[in-house]
Amino acid sequence: MAKDNGSLSLVLIGGSSGSFAIFEEIIRLVRNPLSFALIFVLHRGKSSTAVLPEIFKNKTNVAMSEPYHLDPIEANSIYFAYPDYHLLIGPDRRFYYDCTDKDFFSRPSIDATFISAAVSGISVKAAMLFSGSSADGALGMKTLAQKGFPTYVQNPAEAESPRMPEQALLAYEKHRMMTGANLFSIINDILQ
């Protein structure tokens, strides 16, 4: 599919406890070039010293980074929210960091990233929410779905920590469910 030079779309992925292994498998599925920017928000404490692009660097050949404040958002790139800051998506196609109060005891907040993406004017190809032990992400997913963007939730019964996908489905029951063997098949289709 041809992409005009002015277009940009996003694939958003959020999760917390129990999501790290899924994130790793998703990155293994990524093939160069991506026609979109892939943005991961994983709850991490402010003392986290893990640099996710370093951890995942051998899983794909697509450029990965923890972007800086005001960095441009570019297709064919993978981004990870930096610990202890909310990662916001600006309408000018740039990242913004925010250190306001934590949401659900978390910074970065999945809701902050997803809601800012929903109102940014940038197309969202898909948003996915996985395992986690808080309700973070539920409002962001609902906002994206109500804007007409495709939203996918891991089956809570299969999540290591079911609360995050459960809360998303309670807030908005029309999210598409990723379950069992079709979980990575759906993800692979989204990443094409």
Protein backbone atom coordinates (compact mmCIF):
# COMPACT_ATOMS: atom_id res chain seq x y z
CA MET A 1 0.00 0.00 0.00
CA ALA A 2 1.45 3.36 -1.02
CA LYS A 3 1.93 5.94 1.67
CA ASP A 4 2.09 9.62 0.89
CA ASN A 5 4.99 11.52 2.40
CA GLY A 6 2.75 13.66 4.58
CA SER A 7 1.01 10.77 6.30
CA LEU A 8 1.76 9.43 9.73
CA SER A 9 -0.08 6.77 11.68
CA LEU A 10 0.48 5.22 15.07
CA VAL A 11 0.20 1.80 16.64
CA LEU A 12 -0.12 2.16 20.41
CA ILE A 13 0.62 -0.62 22.89
CA GLY A 14 0.10 -0.43 26.64
CA GLY A 15 0.66 -2.79 29.52
CA SER A 16 2.05 -3.30 32.97
CA SER A 17 2.77 -6.36 35.10
CA GLY A 18 2.72 -9.45 32.92
CA SER A 19 3.18 -7.56 29.64
CA PHE A 20 6.96 -7.54 29.23
CA ALA A 21 7.15 -10.97 27.56
CA ILE A 22 4.29 -10.03 25.20
CA PHE A 23 6.08 -6.79 24.28
CA GLU A 24 9.19 -8.82 23.47
CA GLU A 25 7.21 -11.16 21.21
CA ILE A 26 5.57 -8.21 19.45
CA ILE A 27 8.97 -6.71 18.69
CA ARG A 28 10.09 -10.06 17.22
CA LEU A 29 7.18 -9.76 14.75
CA VAL A 30 8.21 -6.28 13.56
CA ARG A 31 9.69 -6.17 10.08
CA ASN A 32 11.36 -3.24 8.37
CA PRO A 33 10.02 -0.98 7.00
CA LEU A 34 7.03 -0.03 9.13
CA SER A 35 4.54 2.36 7.57
CA PHE A 36 3.70 3.69 11.06
CA ALA A 37 5.29 4.63 14.40
CA LEU A 38 5.03 1.90 17.06
CA ILE A 39 4.73 3.33 20.59
CA PHE A 40 4.99 1.20 23.74
CA VAL A 41 3.93 2.39 27.19
CA LEU A 42 5.03 0.02 29.93
CA HIS A 43 4.65 0.91 33.60
CA ARG A 44 8.12 1.30 35.08
CA GLY A 45 9.22 2.91 38.30
CA LYS A 46 11.29 6.09 38.30
CA SER A 47 14.29 4.13 39.52
CA SER A 48 14.14 1.78 36.53
CA THR A 49 17.53 1.61 34.87
CA ALA A 50 16.38 -0.70 32.08
CA VAL A 51 16.86 0.89 28.67
CA LEU A 52 14.29 -0.98 26.61
CA PRO A 53 15.86 -0.28 23.20
CA GLU A 54 19.04 -1.89 24.48
CA ILE A 55 17.19 -4.90 25.87
CA PHE A 56 15.28 -5.45 22.61
CA LYS A 57 17.97 -4.42 20.10
CA ASN A 58 18.58 -7.96 18.86
CA LYS A 59 14.88 -8.65 18.25
CA THR A 60 14.36 -6.41 15.19
CA ASN A 61 16.26 -4.19 12.77
CA VAL A 62 13.78 -1.30 13.13
CA ALA A 63 15.19 1.79 14.90
CA MET A 64 14.18 1.97 18.58
CA SER A 65 14.48 4.78 21.11
CA GLU A 66 13.20 6.34 24.30
CA PRO A 67 12.46 9.70 22.67
CA TYR A 68 13.37 13.06 24.11
CA HIS A 69 11.00 15.97 24.71
CA LEU A 70 10.08 17.55 21.35
CA ASP A 71 11.54 14.71 19.26
CA PRO A 72 9.59 14.26 16.00
CA ILE A 73 7.43 11.15 15.69
CA GLU A 74 8.50 9.23 12.61
CA ALA A 75 7.20 6.19 10.77
CA ASN A 76 9.39 3.08 10.70
CA SER A 77 10.40 3.69 14.32
CA ILE A 78 9.70 2.03 17.66
CA TYR A 79 9.40 4.23 20.73
CA PHE A 80 9.26 3.43 24.45
CA ALA A 81 7.91 5.81 27.11
CA TYR A 82 10.69 6.92 29.44
CA PRO A 83 10.29 6.02 33.15
CA ASP A 84 8.71 8.60 35.51
CA TYR A 85 7.32 10.86 32.76
CA HIS A 86 4.01 10.84 30.90
CA LEU A 87 4.66 10.54 27.16
CA LEU A 88 2.27 12.76 25.21
CA ILE A 89 1.59 12.85 21.47
CA GLY A 90 1.39 16.39 20.10
CA PRO A 91 -0.67 17.58 17.12
CA ASP A 92 2.62 18.83 15.64
CA ARG A 93 3.80 15.19 15.42
CA ARG A 94 6.23 15.57 18.30
CA PHE A 95 6.61 13.89 21.65
CA TYR A 96 6.06 15.86 24.83
CA TYR A 97 7.02 14.80 28.33
CA ASP A 98 4.93 15.71 31.31
CA CYS A 99 5.67 15.12 34.99
CA THR A 100 2.27 15.92 36.47
CA ASP A 101 0.75 13.60 39.07
CA LYS A 102 0.80 9.88 38.52
CA ASP A 103 -2.28 8.15 37.10
CA PHE A 104 -3.15 4.97 39.00
CA PHE A 105 0.20 5.31 40.79
CA SER A 106 1.98 5.21 37.42
CA ARG A 107 4.12 7.53 35.37
CA PRO A 108 4.22 6.93 32.45
CA SER A 109 0.47 6.62 32.19
CA ILE A 110 -1.06 4.62 29.37
CA ASP A 111 -4.15 6.86 29.51
CA ALA A 112 -2.03 10.00 29.07
CA THR A 113 -0.37 8.67 25.92
CA PHE A 114 -3.51 7.14 24.43
CA ILE A 115 -5.77 10.14 25.09
CA SER A 116 -3.20 12.59 23.72
CA ALA A 117 -2.93 10.41 20.58
CA ALA A 118 -6.72 10.31 20.22
CA VAL A 119 -6.98 14.11 20.17
CA SER A 120 -3.74 14.79 18.25
CA GLY A 121 -5.26 14.58 14.79
CA ILE A 122 -2.79 11.80 13.89
CA SER A 123 -4.32 8.58 12.58
CA VAL A 124 -4.16 5.60 14.95
CA LYS A 125 -3.92 2.33 13.04
CA ALA A 126 -4.57 0.33 16.22
CA ALA A 127 -4.30 0.50 20.00
CA MET A 128 -3.70 -2.60 22.11
CA LEU A 129 -3.89 -3.13 25.87
CA PHE A 130 -2.39 -6.09 27.69
CA SER A 131 -1.86 -7.46 31.19
CA GLY A 132 -1.65 -5.08 34.14
CA SER A 133 -2.79 -4.68 37.72
CA SER A 134 -4.47 -1.25 37.52
CA ALA A 135 -7.24 0.44 35.55
CA ASP A 136 -4.77 2.60 33.60
CA GLY A 137 -5.49 2.46 29.88
CA ALA A 138 -9.26 1.95 30.15
CA LEU A 139 -10.15 5.62 29.54
CA GLY A 140 -7.54 6.00 26.82
CA MET A 141 -8.81 2.93 24.99
CA LYS A 142 -12.41 4.11 25.28
CA THR A 143 -11.45 7.56 23.94
CA LEU A 144 -9.65 6.02 20.96
CA ALA A 145 -12.54 3.65 20.22
CA GLN A 146 -15.07 6.50 20.36
CA LYS A 147 -12.92 8.42 17.85
CA GLY A 148 -13.30 5.45 15.51
CA PHE A 149 -9.84 3.92 15.90
CA PRO A 150 -9.49 0.11 16.17
CA THR A 151 -8.88 -1.06 19.75
CA TYR A 152 -7.81 -4.51 20.95
CA VAL A 153 -7.73 -5.95 24.45
CA GLN A 154 -6.04 -9.11 25.68
CA ASN A 155 -8.53 -11.64 27.02
CA PRO A 156 -8.47 -10.95 30.79
CA ALA A 157 -8.81 -14.67 31.52
CA GLU A 158 -5.46 -15.20 29.78
CA ALA A 159 -3.64 -12.17 31.18
CA GLU A 160 -1.10 -12.65 33.95
CA SER A 161 -2.68 -9.62 35.68
CA PRO A 162 -6.26 -9.39 34.39
CA ARG A 163 -7.35 -6.07 35.93
CA MET A 164 -6.12 -3.78 33.13
CA PRO A 165 -7.93 -5.54 30.26
CA GLU A 166 -10.99 -6.15 32.50
CA GLN A 167 -11.29 -2.45 33.28
CA ALA A 168 -10.95 -1.55 29.61
CA LEU A 169 -13.80 -3.90 28.73
CA LEU A 170 -15.94 -2.55 31.59
CA ALA A 171 -15.40 1.00 30.34
CA TYR A 172 -16.17 0.09 26.71
CA GLU A 173 -17.39 -3.40 25.82
CA LYS A 174 -16.86 -3.13 22.04
CA HIS A 175 -13.06 -3.50 22.05
CA ARG A 176 -11.92 -6.43 19.94
CA MET A 177 -10.73 -9.33 22.08
CA MET A 178 -7.39 -11.00 21.48
CA THR A 179 -7.48 -14.51 22.82
CA GLY A 180 -5.59 -17.78 22.69
CA ALA A 181 -3.88 -18.72 19.48
CA ASN A 182 -5.26 -15.71 17.62
CA LEU A 183 -3.49 -13.15 19.85
CA PHE A 184 -0.23 -13.07 17.89
CA SER A 185 -2.02 -13.66 14.58
CA ILE A 186 -4.04 -10.46 15.17
CA ILE A 187 -0.93 -8.56 16.25
CA ASN A 188 0.96 -9.76 13.19
CA ASP A 189 -1.86 -8.55 10.90
CA ILE A 190 -1.82 -5.13 12.59
CA LEU A 191 1.94 -4.83 12.12
CA GLN A 192 1.74 -5.38 8.35
